[in-house]
Amino acid sequence: MIRLEYEKICEQILECDRNIRYVGIYDFGELHDKMRLGLKNHLSRKETEMSLSQAVYRWSTRKKTAGKIGEPIYALAKYEKIYRVTIPIGGAGLILVSIELVADPSTIIDKIITIRDSQSS
């Protein structure tokens, strides 16, 4: 996966469903992100970067049990204001997506994985 593609992937993910608020890809210590026009982010950029660095750590701990239960595919958390999904990309990168609570996150996650996979082939 080439880092230059991350902006394109962010755009494709944001466009795949109107209930996606935010998409970011964190890899190689860099954050590439897009916010839906007209919406206000709940977290500052610094808070988002800090949260993503913690998510990368959590993801690495999930991978430690992969030999026993399989590779992690995604992680989903429901908060009072949003759903938040993390999905691996590339070697150690993560896609972070925030989704409106009115949406069905599984349908959106399937779309995001399809986009990710189409870009990595």
Protein backbone atom coordinates (compact mmCIF):
# COMPACT_ATOMS: atom_id res chain seq x y z
CA MET A 1 0.00 0.00 0.00
CA ILE A 2 1.44 3.35 -1.04
CA ARG A 3 0.91 6.22 1.39
CA LEU A 4 -0.15 8.52 -1.45
CA GLU A 5 -3.32 6.46 -1.93
CA TYR A 6 -4.58 7.22 1.58
CA GLU A 7 -6.21 10.53 0.59
CA LYS A 8 -8.09 8.76 -2.22
CA ILE A 9 -9.18 5.95 0.10
CA CYS A 10 -10.44 8.47 2.68
CA GLU A 11 -12.51 10.18 -0.01
CA GLN A 12 -13.97 6.90 -1.29
CA ILE A 13 -14.90 5.79 2.22
CA LEU A 14 -16.53 9.12 3.07
CA GLU A 15 -18.55 8.96 -0.16
CA CYS A 16 -19.74 5.36 0.33
CA ASP A 17 -22.36 6.25 2.96
CA ARG A 18 -23.93 9.54 4.04
CA ASN A 19 -23.89 8.45 7.70
CA ILE A 20 -20.09 8.44 7.83
CA ARG A 21 -19.00 11.57 9.68
CA TYR A 22 -15.24 11.20 9.61
CA VAL A 23 -12.58 8.93 8.17
CA GLY A 24 -8.89 8.91 8.99
CA ILE A 25 -6.02 6.64 8.07
CA TYR A 26 -3.11 6.56 10.50
CA ASP A 27 0.08 4.95 9.24
CA PHE A 28 3.80 5.63 9.41
CA GLY A 29 3.05 8.17 12.18
CA GLU A 30 0.95 10.30 9.81
CA LEU A 31 -2.77 11.01 9.80
CA HIS A 32 -4.66 11.41 6.51
CA ASP A 33 -8.28 12.35 7.12
CA LYS A 34 -11.52 13.79 5.79
CA MET A 35 -14.56 15.16 7.60
CA ARG A 36 -18.02 15.35 6.05
CA LEU A 37 -18.71 18.94 5.00
CA GLY A 38 -21.01 20.85 7.32
CA LEU A 39 -20.25 18.71 10.39
CA LYS A 40 -18.18 19.60 13.41
CA ASN A 41 -15.65 17.05 14.66
CA HIS A 42 -16.18 15.91 18.25
CA LEU A 43 -12.40 15.70 18.84
CA SER A 44 -9.61 18.09 17.98
CA ARG A 45 -6.94 16.89 15.56
CA LYS A 46 -4.51 16.41 18.45
CA GLU A 47 -7.10 14.37 20.38
CA THR A 48 -7.78 12.29 17.27
CA GLU A 49 -4.06 11.60 16.75
CA MET A 50 -3.67 10.62 20.42
CA SER A 51 -6.71 8.36 20.22
CA LEU A 52 -5.39 6.74 17.06
CA SER A 53 -1.97 6.06 18.57
CA GLN A 54 -3.78 4.30 21.45
CA ALA A 55 -5.88 2.38 18.91
CA VAL A 56 -2.71 1.20 17.15
CA TYR A 57 -1.47 -0.15 20.49
CA ARG A 58 -4.81 -1.88 21.19
CA TRP A 59 -4.74 -3.36 17.69
CA SER A 60 -1.27 -4.80 18.31
CA THR A 61 -2.56 -6.53 21.46
CA ARG A 62 -5.48 -8.02 19.49
CA LYS A 63 -3.03 -9.52 17.02
CA LYS A 64 -1.26 -11.40 19.83
CA THR A 65 -4.18 -13.85 20.07
CA ALA A 66 -4.56 -14.23 16.28
CA GLY A 67 -2.93 -17.66 16.32
CA LYS A 68 -5.71 -18.94 18.56
CA ILE A 69 -8.83 -17.06 17.44
CA GLY A 70 -7.89 -15.72 14.01
CA GLU A 71 -6.78 -12.36 12.65
CA PRO A 72 -8.81 -9.36 13.87
CA ILE A 73 -10.95 -7.90 11.09
CA TYR A 74 -12.32 -4.75 12.74
CA ALA A 75 -13.18 -3.27 16.14
CA LEU A 76 -16.45 -1.45 16.81
CA ALA A 77 -17.31 0.78 19.77
CA LYS A 78 -20.61 2.51 20.40
CA TYR A 79 -20.47 5.83 22.21
CA GLU A 80 -23.32 8.13 23.26
CA LYS A 81 -22.84 10.26 20.13
CA ILE A 82 -21.28 7.98 17.47
CA TYR A 83 -20.11 4.54 16.44
CA ARG A 84 -16.38 4.31 16.03
CA VAL A 85 -14.76 1.63 13.89
CA THR A 86 -11.09 0.71 13.45
CA ILE A 87 -10.00 -1.47 10.54
CA PRO A 88 -6.41 -2.48 9.71
CA ILE A 89 -4.78 -1.29 6.48
CA GLY A 90 -1.30 -1.97 5.17
CA GLY A 91 1.32 -3.33 7.54
CA ALA A 92 0.55 -1.46 10.74
CA GLY A 93 -1.92 1.20 9.64
CA LEU A 94 -5.48 1.71 10.83
CA ILE A 95 -8.58 3.20 9.28
CA LEU A 96 -10.69 5.08 11.83
CA VAL A 97 -14.28 5.89 10.94
CA SER A 98 -16.97 7.63 12.96
CA ILE A 99 -20.57 6.85 12.01
CA GLU A 100 -23.89 8.40 12.99
CA LEU A 101 -25.91 6.32 15.48
CA VAL A 102 -28.89 6.08 13.08
CA ALA A 103 -26.82 3.91 10.71
CA ASP A 104 -26.27 0.17 10.55
CA PRO A 105 -22.53 -0.07 11.23
CA SER A 106 -22.15 -3.62 9.82
CA THR A 107 -23.32 -2.56 6.36
CA ILE A 108 -20.94 0.40 6.37
CA ILE A 109 -18.04 -1.72 7.66
CA ASP A 110 -18.57 -4.16 4.77
CA LYS A 111 -18.40 -1.24 2.30
CA ILE A 112 -15.20 0.09 3.92
CA ILE A 113 -13.49 -3.32 3.82
CA THR A 114 -14.43 -3.66 0.13
CA ILE A 115 -12.89 -0.24 -0.60
CA ARG A 116 -9.75 -1.08 1.38
CA ASP A 117 -9.35 -4.42 -0.38
CA SER A 118 -9.90 -2.93 -3.84
CA GLN A 119 -7.07 -0.45 -3.22
CA SER A 120 -4.60 -2.98 -1.86
CA SER A 121 -4.73 -5.37 -4.81
